[in-house]
N, C-alpha and C. Protein backbone atom coordinates (compact mmCIF):
# COMPACT_ATOMS: atom_id res chain seq x y z
N LYS A 1 -43.19 36.34 69.23
CA LYS A 1 -43.67 36.45 67.87
C LYS A 1 -42.89 37.44 67.03
N THR A 2 -41.84 38.00 67.60
CA THR A 2 -41.05 38.93 66.88
C THR A 2 -39.58 38.59 66.69
N GLY A 3 -39.06 37.73 67.55
CA GLY A 3 -37.67 37.37 67.57
C GLY A 3 -36.81 38.25 68.49
N GLU A 4 -37.49 39.26 69.12
CA GLU A 4 -36.80 40.15 70.03
C GLU A 4 -36.38 39.44 71.31
N ILE A 5 -35.16 39.51 71.66
CA ILE A 5 -34.63 39.01 72.92
C ILE A 5 -34.75 40.11 73.96
N LEU A 6 -35.58 39.88 74.98
CA LEU A 6 -35.88 40.88 75.97
C LEU A 6 -34.83 40.83 77.09
N ALA A 7 -34.27 39.71 77.36
CA ALA A 7 -33.26 39.64 78.42
C ALA A 7 -32.35 38.44 78.14
N TYR A 8 -31.13 38.52 78.65
CA TYR A 8 -30.21 37.42 78.48
C TYR A 8 -29.16 37.49 79.56
N SER A 9 -28.85 36.35 80.15
CA SER A 9 -27.85 36.28 81.21
C SER A 9 -26.89 35.16 80.94
N GLN A 10 -25.69 35.29 81.44
CA GLN A 10 -24.69 34.26 81.28
C GLN A 10 -23.90 34.09 82.55
N ARG A 11 -23.64 32.85 82.87
CA ARG A 11 -22.85 32.51 84.06
C ARG A 11 -21.76 31.61 83.63
N PRO A 12 -20.57 31.51 84.26
CA PRO A 12 -20.14 32.36 85.33
C PRO A 12 -19.86 33.79 84.85
N THR A 13 -19.69 34.68 85.77
CA THR A 13 -19.46 36.04 85.44
C THR A 13 -18.17 36.45 86.18
N PHE A 14 -17.94 37.79 86.20
CA PHE A 14 -16.72 38.27 86.96
C PHE A 14 -17.19 39.31 87.91
N ASN A 15 -16.34 39.60 88.91
CA ASN A 15 -16.64 40.63 89.92
C ASN A 15 -16.26 41.97 89.32
N PRO A 16 -17.22 42.87 89.05
CA PRO A 16 -16.86 44.13 88.45
C PRO A 16 -16.08 45.07 89.39
N ASP A 17 -16.13 44.82 90.67
CA ASP A 17 -15.40 45.66 91.61
C ASP A 17 -13.91 45.35 91.61
N THR A 18 -13.59 44.06 91.48
CA THR A 18 -12.20 43.65 91.55
C THR A 18 -11.64 43.17 90.25
N GLY A 19 -12.49 42.83 89.29
CA GLY A 19 -12.03 42.24 88.02
C GLY A 19 -11.70 40.81 88.11
N GLU A 20 -11.90 40.24 89.32
CA GLU A 20 -11.58 38.83 89.52
C GLU A 20 -12.40 37.94 88.57
N ASP A 21 -11.73 36.98 87.97
CA ASP A 21 -12.29 36.02 87.02
C ASP A 21 -12.56 36.64 85.64
N PHE A 22 -12.21 37.89 85.45
CA PHE A 22 -12.42 38.55 84.14
C PHE A 22 -11.53 37.82 83.14
N GLY A 23 -12.07 37.48 82.01
CA GLY A 23 -11.29 36.83 80.98
C GLY A 23 -11.42 35.29 80.92
N LYS A 24 -11.92 34.72 82.03
CA LYS A 24 -12.07 33.31 82.05
C LYS A 24 -13.26 32.86 81.17
N LYS A 25 -14.23 33.73 81.03
CA LYS A 25 -15.41 33.42 80.23
C LYS A 25 -15.71 34.62 79.36
N TRP A 26 -14.88 34.85 78.39
CA TRP A 26 -15.02 36.05 77.56
C TRP A 26 -15.99 35.86 76.41
N ALA A 27 -16.13 34.68 75.87
CA ALA A 27 -17.02 34.47 74.70
C ALA A 27 -18.49 34.43 75.19
N ASN A 28 -19.39 34.95 74.35
CA ASN A 28 -20.79 34.98 74.68
C ASN A 28 -21.41 33.64 74.26
N ASP A 29 -21.92 32.91 75.21
CA ASP A 29 -22.50 31.57 74.95
C ASP A 29 -23.68 31.58 73.97
N LEU A 30 -24.40 32.61 73.89
CA LEU A 30 -25.58 32.65 73.04
C LEU A 30 -25.19 32.53 71.56
N TYR A 31 -24.07 33.10 71.14
CA TYR A 31 -23.80 33.07 69.76
C TYR A 31 -22.30 32.84 69.37
N GLN A 32 -21.43 32.77 70.35
CA GLN A 32 -20.04 32.55 70.08
C GLN A 32 -19.50 31.21 70.41
N ASN A 33 -20.22 30.43 71.11
CA ASN A 33 -19.85 29.01 71.48
C ASN A 33 -20.82 28.04 70.88
N THR A 34 -20.34 26.92 70.35
CA THR A 34 -21.20 25.90 69.81
C THR A 34 -21.22 24.69 70.70
N TYR A 35 -22.35 23.98 70.63
CA TYR A 35 -22.60 22.79 71.45
C TYR A 35 -23.30 21.74 70.66
N GLU A 36 -23.14 20.51 71.07
CA GLU A 36 -23.94 19.42 70.51
C GLU A 36 -25.31 19.58 71.20
N PRO A 37 -26.35 19.71 70.37
CA PRO A 37 -27.68 20.00 70.92
C PRO A 37 -28.36 18.81 71.60
N GLY A 38 -27.91 17.64 71.36
CA GLY A 38 -28.53 16.47 71.97
C GLY A 38 -29.99 16.32 71.48
N SER A 39 -30.83 15.76 72.35
CA SER A 39 -32.19 15.43 71.95
C SER A 39 -33.06 16.61 71.52
N THR A 40 -32.60 17.86 71.92
CA THR A 40 -33.39 19.03 71.44
C THR A 40 -33.38 19.12 69.92
N PHE A 41 -32.42 18.50 69.28
CA PHE A 41 -32.27 18.51 67.82
C PHE A 41 -33.30 17.60 67.11
N LYS A 42 -33.84 16.65 67.84
CA LYS A 42 -34.74 15.65 67.27
C LYS A 42 -36.02 16.25 66.66
N SER A 43 -36.44 17.36 67.23
CA SER A 43 -37.68 17.96 66.69
C SER A 43 -37.51 18.43 65.24
N PHE A 44 -36.27 18.79 64.83
CA PHE A 44 -36.08 19.25 63.45
C PHE A 44 -36.09 18.08 62.47
N GLY A 45 -35.56 16.92 62.88
CA GLY A 45 -35.68 15.74 62.04
C GLY A 45 -37.08 15.25 61.94
N LEU A 46 -37.84 15.34 63.05
CA LEU A 46 -39.27 14.99 63.03
C LEU A 46 -40.04 15.86 62.09
N ALA A 47 -39.82 17.20 62.19
CA ALA A 47 -40.48 18.13 61.29
C ALA A 47 -40.22 17.84 59.82
N ALA A 48 -38.94 17.53 59.51
CA ALA A 48 -38.54 17.18 58.11
C ALA A 48 -39.27 15.91 57.69
N ALA A 49 -39.33 14.91 58.57
CA ALA A 49 -40.01 13.64 58.21
C ALA A 49 -41.49 13.85 57.99
N ILE A 50 -42.11 14.72 58.80
CA ILE A 50 -43.55 15.01 58.62
C ILE A 50 -43.76 15.71 57.31
N GLN A 51 -42.93 16.71 57.00
CA GLN A 51 -43.07 17.43 55.72
C GLN A 51 -42.82 16.53 54.54
N GLU A 52 -41.97 15.56 54.65
CA GLU A 52 -41.67 14.63 53.54
C GLU A 52 -42.62 13.46 53.51
N GLY A 53 -43.57 13.44 54.44
CA GLY A 53 -44.59 12.37 54.42
C GLY A 53 -44.06 11.03 54.93
N GLU A 54 -42.92 11.02 55.68
CA GLU A 54 -42.35 9.77 56.11
C GLU A 54 -42.62 9.44 57.56
N PHE A 55 -43.07 10.37 58.37
CA PHE A 55 -43.46 10.11 59.75
C PHE A 55 -44.90 9.67 59.72
N LYS A 56 -45.17 8.42 60.10
CA LYS A 56 -46.52 7.92 60.19
C LYS A 56 -46.62 7.43 61.67
N PRO A 57 -47.45 8.05 62.40
CA PRO A 57 -47.50 7.70 63.87
C PRO A 57 -47.60 6.22 64.18
N ASP A 58 -48.34 5.44 63.32
CA ASP A 58 -48.54 4.05 63.60
C ASP A 58 -47.56 3.13 62.87
N ARG A 59 -46.57 3.72 62.14
CA ARG A 59 -45.60 2.89 61.43
C ARG A 59 -44.65 2.26 62.50
N LYS A 60 -44.35 1.00 62.30
CA LYS A 60 -43.49 0.27 63.25
C LYS A 60 -42.03 0.47 62.86
N TYR A 61 -41.19 0.40 63.89
CA TYR A 61 -39.74 0.33 63.65
C TYR A 61 -39.13 -0.42 64.84
N GLN A 62 -37.93 -0.92 64.68
CA GLN A 62 -37.27 -1.68 65.71
C GLN A 62 -36.40 -0.73 66.53
N SER A 63 -36.73 -0.58 67.82
CA SER A 63 -35.92 0.26 68.65
C SER A 63 -34.79 -0.57 69.32
N GLY A 64 -33.96 0.07 70.08
CA GLY A 64 -32.92 -0.63 70.81
C GLY A 64 -31.51 -0.21 70.39
N TYR A 65 -31.08 -0.60 69.18
CA TYR A 65 -29.77 -0.22 68.73
C TYR A 65 -29.70 -0.39 67.22
N ARG A 66 -28.62 0.27 66.62
CA ARG A 66 -28.28 0.04 65.22
C ARG A 66 -26.81 -0.03 65.16
N ASP A 67 -26.36 -0.86 64.19
CA ASP A 67 -24.90 -0.93 63.93
C ASP A 67 -24.59 -0.08 62.72
N ILE A 68 -23.71 0.90 62.89
CA ILE A 68 -23.34 1.83 61.82
C ILE A 68 -21.84 1.84 61.75
N GLN A 69 -21.26 1.50 60.67
CA GLN A 69 -19.83 1.58 60.39
C GLN A 69 -18.99 0.99 61.59
N GLY A 70 -19.41 -0.15 62.08
CA GLY A 70 -18.66 -0.81 63.09
C GLY A 70 -18.92 -0.28 64.50
N SER A 71 -19.87 0.66 64.64
CA SER A 71 -20.23 1.20 65.97
C SER A 71 -21.67 0.84 66.25
N ARG A 72 -21.91 0.42 67.46
CA ARG A 72 -23.27 0.14 67.87
C ARG A 72 -23.81 1.39 68.54
N ILE A 73 -24.93 1.89 68.02
CA ILE A 73 -25.58 3.09 68.55
C ILE A 73 -26.88 2.69 69.19
N TYR A 74 -27.00 3.02 70.50
CA TYR A 74 -28.11 2.60 71.25
C TYR A 74 -29.16 3.73 71.48
N ASP A 75 -30.40 3.29 71.82
CA ASP A 75 -31.27 4.25 72.40
C ASP A 75 -30.74 4.65 73.73
N TRP A 76 -31.18 5.75 74.25
CA TRP A 76 -30.62 6.31 75.49
C TRP A 76 -30.65 5.32 76.68
N ASN A 77 -31.68 4.44 76.70
CA ASN A 77 -31.79 3.50 77.83
C ASN A 77 -31.03 2.18 77.58
N LYS A 78 -30.28 2.07 76.47
CA LYS A 78 -29.44 0.95 76.12
C LYS A 78 -30.21 -0.32 75.74
N LYS A 79 -31.56 -0.31 75.79
CA LYS A 79 -32.32 -1.49 75.45
C LYS A 79 -33.44 -1.23 74.50
N GLY A 80 -33.96 -0.02 74.39
CA GLY A 80 -35.07 0.30 73.54
C GLY A 80 -36.36 -0.22 74.10
N TRP A 81 -37.36 -0.37 73.25
CA TRP A 81 -38.71 -0.76 73.63
C TRP A 81 -39.22 -1.84 72.70
N GLY A 82 -38.34 -2.51 72.02
CA GLY A 82 -38.76 -3.57 71.07
C GLY A 82 -39.26 -2.88 69.79
N GLU A 83 -40.13 -3.65 69.10
CA GLU A 83 -40.75 -3.05 67.88
C GLU A 83 -41.95 -2.20 68.33
N ILE A 84 -41.85 -0.92 68.08
CA ILE A 84 -42.95 0.00 68.49
C ILE A 84 -43.34 0.95 67.37
N ASP A 85 -44.43 1.67 67.57
CA ASP A 85 -44.89 2.69 66.63
C ASP A 85 -44.00 3.88 66.75
N MET A 86 -43.97 4.69 65.66
CA MET A 86 -43.14 5.90 65.66
C MET A 86 -43.54 6.92 66.67
N SER A 87 -44.87 7.08 66.87
CA SER A 87 -45.35 8.16 67.80
C SER A 87 -44.78 7.93 69.21
N PRO A 88 -44.99 6.79 69.82
CA PRO A 88 -44.36 6.63 71.15
C PRO A 88 -42.86 6.65 71.09
N GLY A 89 -42.28 6.24 69.99
CA GLY A 89 -40.83 6.32 69.82
C GLY A 89 -40.31 7.73 69.97
N PHE A 90 -41.04 8.69 69.41
CA PHE A 90 -40.64 10.09 69.56
C PHE A 90 -40.85 10.53 71.01
N THR A 91 -41.93 10.15 71.60
CA THR A 91 -42.20 10.49 72.96
C THR A 91 -41.13 9.95 73.86
N TYR A 92 -40.62 8.75 73.58
CA TYR A 92 -39.52 8.18 74.38
C TYR A 92 -38.16 8.73 74.03
N SER A 93 -38.09 9.62 73.10
CA SER A 93 -36.79 10.23 72.66
C SER A 93 -35.84 9.18 72.10
N SER A 94 -36.39 8.30 71.24
CA SER A 94 -35.64 7.20 70.67
C SER A 94 -34.64 7.64 69.62
N ASN A 95 -33.35 7.36 69.87
CA ASN A 95 -32.30 7.65 68.87
C ASN A 95 -32.47 6.80 67.66
N THR A 96 -32.88 5.50 67.84
CA THR A 96 -33.06 4.64 66.65
C THR A 96 -34.23 5.15 65.79
N LEU A 97 -35.24 5.74 66.37
CA LEU A 97 -36.30 6.32 65.54
C LEU A 97 -35.74 7.44 64.65
N MET A 98 -34.92 8.28 65.27
CA MET A 98 -34.40 9.42 64.47
C MET A 98 -33.51 8.96 63.36
N MET A 99 -32.72 7.90 63.57
CA MET A 99 -31.95 7.34 62.52
C MET A 99 -32.81 6.73 61.41
N ARG A 100 -33.89 6.06 61.83
CA ARG A 100 -34.84 5.46 60.88
C ARG A 100 -35.50 6.54 60.02
N LEU A 101 -35.89 7.62 60.67
CA LEU A 101 -36.52 8.73 59.94
C LEU A 101 -35.52 9.31 58.89
N GLN A 102 -34.24 9.41 59.30
CA GLN A 102 -33.21 9.87 58.36
C GLN A 102 -33.13 8.94 57.17
N ASP A 103 -33.22 7.62 57.44
CA ASP A 103 -33.14 6.62 56.35
C ASP A 103 -34.36 6.86 55.37
N LEU A 104 -35.54 7.06 55.91
CA LEU A 104 -36.73 7.22 55.09
C LEU A 104 -36.72 8.51 54.31
N VAL A 105 -36.27 9.61 54.94
CA VAL A 105 -36.23 10.92 54.27
C VAL A 105 -35.10 10.92 53.26
N GLY A 106 -33.97 10.28 53.60
CA GLY A 106 -32.75 10.31 52.80
C GLY A 106 -31.79 11.24 53.48
N ALA A 107 -30.50 10.89 53.53
CA ALA A 107 -29.53 11.64 54.25
C ALA A 107 -29.34 13.04 53.68
N ASP A 108 -29.20 13.13 52.35
CA ASP A 108 -28.99 14.44 51.73
C ASP A 108 -30.19 15.36 51.90
N LYS A 109 -31.37 14.77 51.80
CA LYS A 109 -32.57 15.61 51.97
C LYS A 109 -32.71 16.08 53.42
N MET A 110 -32.32 15.20 54.38
CA MET A 110 -32.37 15.57 55.76
C MET A 110 -31.40 16.69 56.09
N LYS A 111 -30.23 16.61 55.50
CA LYS A 111 -29.22 17.70 55.71
C LYS A 111 -29.79 19.01 55.09
N SER A 112 -30.48 18.88 54.01
CA SER A 112 -31.07 20.09 53.36
C SER A 112 -32.11 20.73 54.33
N TRP A 113 -32.88 19.89 55.02
CA TRP A 113 -33.83 20.38 56.04
C TRP A 113 -33.11 21.07 57.16
N TYR A 114 -32.02 20.47 57.66
CA TYR A 114 -31.27 21.13 58.72
C TYR A 114 -30.80 22.54 58.26
N GLU A 115 -30.40 22.62 57.02
CA GLU A 115 -29.90 23.92 56.52
C GLU A 115 -31.08 24.86 56.38
N LYS A 116 -32.24 24.40 56.00
CA LYS A 116 -33.44 25.30 55.93
C LYS A 116 -33.74 25.86 57.31
N PHE A 117 -33.50 25.08 58.35
CA PHE A 117 -33.73 25.55 59.69
C PHE A 117 -32.61 26.50 60.14
N GLY A 118 -31.60 26.72 59.37
CA GLY A 118 -30.56 27.67 59.65
C GLY A 118 -29.36 27.13 60.31
N PHE A 119 -29.23 25.81 60.41
CA PHE A 119 -28.05 25.23 61.03
C PHE A 119 -26.91 25.20 60.05
N GLY A 120 -25.68 25.33 60.57
CA GLY A 120 -24.52 25.33 59.75
C GLY A 120 -24.15 26.68 59.17
N LYS A 121 -24.93 27.75 59.58
CA LYS A 121 -24.62 29.09 59.10
C LYS A 121 -25.04 30.10 60.23
N SER A 122 -24.40 31.23 60.21
CA SER A 122 -24.70 32.27 61.20
C SER A 122 -26.14 32.75 61.02
N THR A 123 -26.76 33.18 62.13
CA THR A 123 -28.06 33.81 62.02
C THR A 123 -27.98 35.19 61.45
N ARG A 124 -26.78 35.78 61.45
CA ARG A 124 -26.54 37.13 60.92
C ARG A 124 -27.42 38.14 61.66
N SER A 125 -27.66 37.91 62.91
CA SER A 125 -28.59 38.80 63.62
C SER A 125 -27.97 39.41 64.88
N LEU A 126 -26.84 38.95 65.25
CA LEU A 126 -26.33 39.46 66.56
C LEU A 126 -25.05 40.24 66.32
N PHE A 127 -24.04 39.93 67.03
CA PHE A 127 -22.81 40.74 67.04
C PHE A 127 -21.70 40.02 66.27
N ASP A 128 -20.58 40.75 66.15
CA ASP A 128 -19.41 40.12 65.50
C ASP A 128 -18.96 38.85 66.26
N GLY A 129 -18.42 37.92 65.53
CA GLY A 129 -17.87 36.73 66.17
C GLY A 129 -18.89 35.59 66.28
N GLU A 130 -20.09 35.75 65.66
CA GLU A 130 -21.09 34.76 65.76
C GLU A 130 -20.57 33.47 64.99
N GLN A 131 -20.70 32.35 65.66
CA GLN A 131 -20.26 31.08 65.07
C GLN A 131 -21.40 30.48 64.20
N SER A 132 -21.01 29.68 63.24
CA SER A 132 -21.99 29.06 62.35
C SER A 132 -22.35 27.63 62.76
N GLY A 133 -21.58 27.03 63.62
CA GLY A 133 -21.85 25.63 63.97
C GLY A 133 -21.46 24.78 62.80
N ASN A 134 -21.75 23.49 62.86
CA ASN A 134 -21.36 22.51 61.88
C ASN A 134 -22.33 21.36 61.78
N ILE A 135 -22.88 21.14 60.61
CA ILE A 135 -23.68 19.92 60.38
C ILE A 135 -22.70 18.82 59.98
N ALA A 136 -22.45 17.92 60.91
CA ALA A 136 -21.44 16.87 60.69
C ALA A 136 -21.96 15.83 59.74
N TRP A 137 -21.40 15.77 58.53
CA TRP A 137 -21.97 14.93 57.45
C TRP A 137 -20.84 14.15 56.74
N GLU A 138 -19.68 14.09 57.34
CA GLU A 138 -18.49 13.52 56.63
C GLU A 138 -18.63 12.02 56.34
N ASN A 139 -19.35 11.30 57.16
CA ASN A 139 -19.57 9.87 56.92
C ASN A 139 -20.88 9.43 57.52
N GLU A 140 -21.27 8.19 57.28
CA GLU A 140 -22.56 7.70 57.69
C GLU A 140 -22.71 7.76 59.23
N LEU A 141 -21.68 7.44 59.96
CA LEU A 141 -21.76 7.48 61.44
C LEU A 141 -22.09 8.89 61.92
N MET A 142 -21.41 9.90 61.39
CA MET A 142 -21.68 11.26 61.79
C MET A 142 -23.14 11.67 61.39
N GLN A 143 -23.55 11.29 60.25
CA GLN A 143 -24.89 11.57 59.78
C GLN A 143 -25.94 10.97 60.72
N LYS A 144 -25.75 9.74 61.07
CA LYS A 144 -26.73 9.07 61.92
C LYS A 144 -26.69 9.64 63.35
N THR A 145 -25.51 9.92 63.89
CA THR A 145 -25.54 10.50 65.26
C THR A 145 -26.03 11.97 65.22
N SER A 146 -25.89 12.61 64.10
CA SER A 146 -26.51 14.00 63.99
C SER A 146 -28.01 13.93 64.13
N ALA A 147 -28.60 12.82 63.69
CA ALA A 147 -30.04 12.67 63.72
C ALA A 147 -30.59 12.85 65.14
N PHE A 148 -29.77 12.53 66.14
CA PHE A 148 -30.24 12.76 67.52
C PHE A 148 -29.37 13.74 68.29
N GLY A 149 -28.75 14.69 67.54
CA GLY A 149 -28.14 15.84 68.18
C GLY A 149 -26.69 15.62 68.64
N GLN A 150 -26.01 14.61 68.16
CA GLN A 150 -24.61 14.41 68.48
C GLN A 150 -23.79 14.63 67.19
N SER A 151 -22.54 14.92 67.29
CA SER A 151 -21.63 15.21 66.15
C SER A 151 -21.87 16.63 65.62
N THR A 152 -23.09 16.98 65.33
CA THR A 152 -23.44 18.34 64.78
C THR A 152 -23.32 19.33 65.93
N THR A 153 -22.89 20.57 65.64
CA THR A 153 -22.83 21.59 66.67
C THR A 153 -23.64 22.79 66.23
N VAL A 154 -24.26 23.46 67.19
CA VAL A 154 -25.11 24.64 66.97
C VAL A 154 -24.86 25.65 68.06
N THR A 155 -25.30 26.86 67.82
CA THR A 155 -25.33 27.88 68.90
C THR A 155 -26.70 27.98 69.47
N PRO A 156 -26.85 28.43 70.74
CA PRO A 156 -28.16 28.64 71.27
C PRO A 156 -29.00 29.62 70.38
N ALA A 157 -28.36 30.63 69.83
CA ALA A 157 -29.08 31.57 68.95
C ALA A 157 -29.69 30.83 67.75
N GLN A 158 -28.96 29.89 67.16
CA GLN A 158 -29.55 29.08 66.07
C GLN A 158 -30.72 28.29 66.54
N MET A 159 -30.64 27.71 67.69
CA MET A 159 -31.77 26.92 68.25
C MET A 159 -32.98 27.79 68.45
N LEU A 160 -32.78 29.00 69.00
CA LEU A 160 -33.86 29.92 69.14
C LEU A 160 -34.56 30.25 67.82
N GLN A 161 -33.72 30.57 66.82
CA GLN A 161 -34.25 30.91 65.51
C GLN A 161 -34.99 29.75 64.87
N ALA A 162 -34.41 28.55 64.92
CA ALA A 162 -35.04 27.39 64.30
C ALA A 162 -36.35 27.01 65.05
N GLN A 163 -36.33 27.03 66.34
CA GLN A 163 -37.55 26.65 67.10
C GLN A 163 -38.63 27.71 66.90
N SER A 164 -38.29 28.90 66.58
CA SER A 164 -39.39 29.91 66.33
C SER A 164 -40.30 29.46 65.25
N ALA A 165 -39.84 28.69 64.31
CA ALA A 165 -40.71 28.19 63.22
C ALA A 165 -41.87 27.35 63.76
N PHE A 166 -41.65 26.65 64.86
CA PHE A 166 -42.67 25.79 65.44
C PHE A 166 -43.77 26.62 66.08
N PHE A 167 -43.44 27.83 66.49
CA PHE A 167 -44.40 28.66 67.24
C PHE A 167 -44.95 29.79 66.41
N ASN A 168 -44.57 29.89 65.14
CA ASN A 168 -45.03 30.94 64.29
C ASN A 168 -45.50 30.47 62.93
N LYS A 169 -46.16 29.33 62.94
CA LYS A 169 -46.81 28.78 61.73
C LYS A 169 -45.78 28.61 60.58
N GLY A 170 -44.59 28.16 60.96
CA GLY A 170 -43.56 27.84 59.93
C GLY A 170 -42.64 28.99 59.62
N GLU A 171 -42.89 30.18 60.15
CA GLU A 171 -42.05 31.33 59.88
C GLU A 171 -40.92 31.41 60.90
N MET A 172 -39.70 31.37 60.46
CA MET A 172 -38.57 31.51 61.36
C MET A 172 -38.25 32.98 61.62
N LEU A 173 -38.04 33.34 62.87
CA LEU A 173 -37.80 34.71 63.24
C LEU A 173 -36.33 34.87 63.63
N ARG A 174 -35.70 35.82 63.09
CA ARG A 174 -34.30 36.08 63.41
C ARG A 174 -34.22 36.78 64.76
N PRO A 175 -33.43 36.19 65.71
CA PRO A 175 -33.33 36.81 67.05
C PRO A 175 -32.58 38.17 66.95
N TYR A 176 -33.01 39.13 67.74
CA TYR A 176 -32.35 40.44 67.80
C TYR A 176 -32.47 41.02 69.16
N PHE A 177 -31.50 41.90 69.48
CA PHE A 177 -31.46 42.62 70.77
C PHE A 177 -31.93 44.05 70.63
N VAL A 178 -31.59 44.70 69.56
CA VAL A 178 -31.86 46.14 69.38
C VAL A 178 -32.94 46.31 68.34
N GLN A 179 -34.05 46.97 68.77
CA GLN A 179 -35.14 47.23 67.86
C GLN A 179 -34.81 48.39 66.89
N SER A 180 -34.26 49.43 67.48
CA SER A 180 -33.87 50.59 66.67
C SER A 180 -32.89 51.46 67.49
N ILE A 181 -32.11 52.26 66.73
CA ILE A 181 -31.22 53.20 67.33
C ILE A 181 -31.73 54.61 66.98
N VAL A 182 -31.95 55.39 68.01
CA VAL A 182 -32.58 56.72 67.80
C VAL A 182 -31.52 57.79 68.16
N ASN A 183 -31.35 58.72 67.27
CA ASN A 183 -30.50 59.89 67.52
C ASN A 183 -31.18 60.74 68.56
N PRO A 184 -30.52 61.00 69.75
CA PRO A 184 -31.18 61.75 70.81
C PRO A 184 -31.47 63.19 70.44
N VAL A 185 -30.80 63.74 69.47
CA VAL A 185 -31.00 65.15 69.11
C VAL A 185 -32.09 65.23 68.04
N THR A 186 -31.95 64.49 66.95
CA THR A 186 -32.91 64.60 65.82
C THR A 186 -34.11 63.70 65.99
N LYS A 187 -34.02 62.68 66.87
CA LYS A 187 -35.06 61.68 67.06
C LYS A 187 -35.21 60.79 65.86
N ASN A 188 -34.28 60.85 64.88
CA ASN A 188 -34.34 59.99 63.69
C ASN A 188 -33.77 58.65 64.05
N THR A 189 -34.29 57.63 63.37
CA THR A 189 -33.73 56.27 63.56
C THR A 189 -32.66 55.96 62.54
């Protein structure tokens, strides 16, 4: 409920006695490396669709695949579940549902929601070198694949910050390691 990071670990590491493997993994994965978030990104598109009044649990959509700019994009199981309601579609982690929700919300408005969640910019809460990630929006194919966490890149710190909104009644909490710095002589912060 505060954004405070109590512990963090990263692997692989190096042997501090010999220095072996030092330098092979110098960047901090929490905030210096970006990743395609995959299906973990779907919750943000769902939240946007709910806020925009476009997610209706009983609304039908066609699962399976969609053709976008000459590419066929499938649900993860390559066949879908036929025409189904949106609610089970989200439970099944349907890629075609997320693309449909983006259609209903509108691509530009969906991108705006991703930005409200803090994607595409630094959290400004950690150390130097924090990456901003990228909301891939150059063409329709990138927009649609971003709907289910491909093309777009994020840092784990951005995911922590964005997901905090789900657990804090809509308030996003900036992650931090240091609560305060106290002068050992004067005890002033």
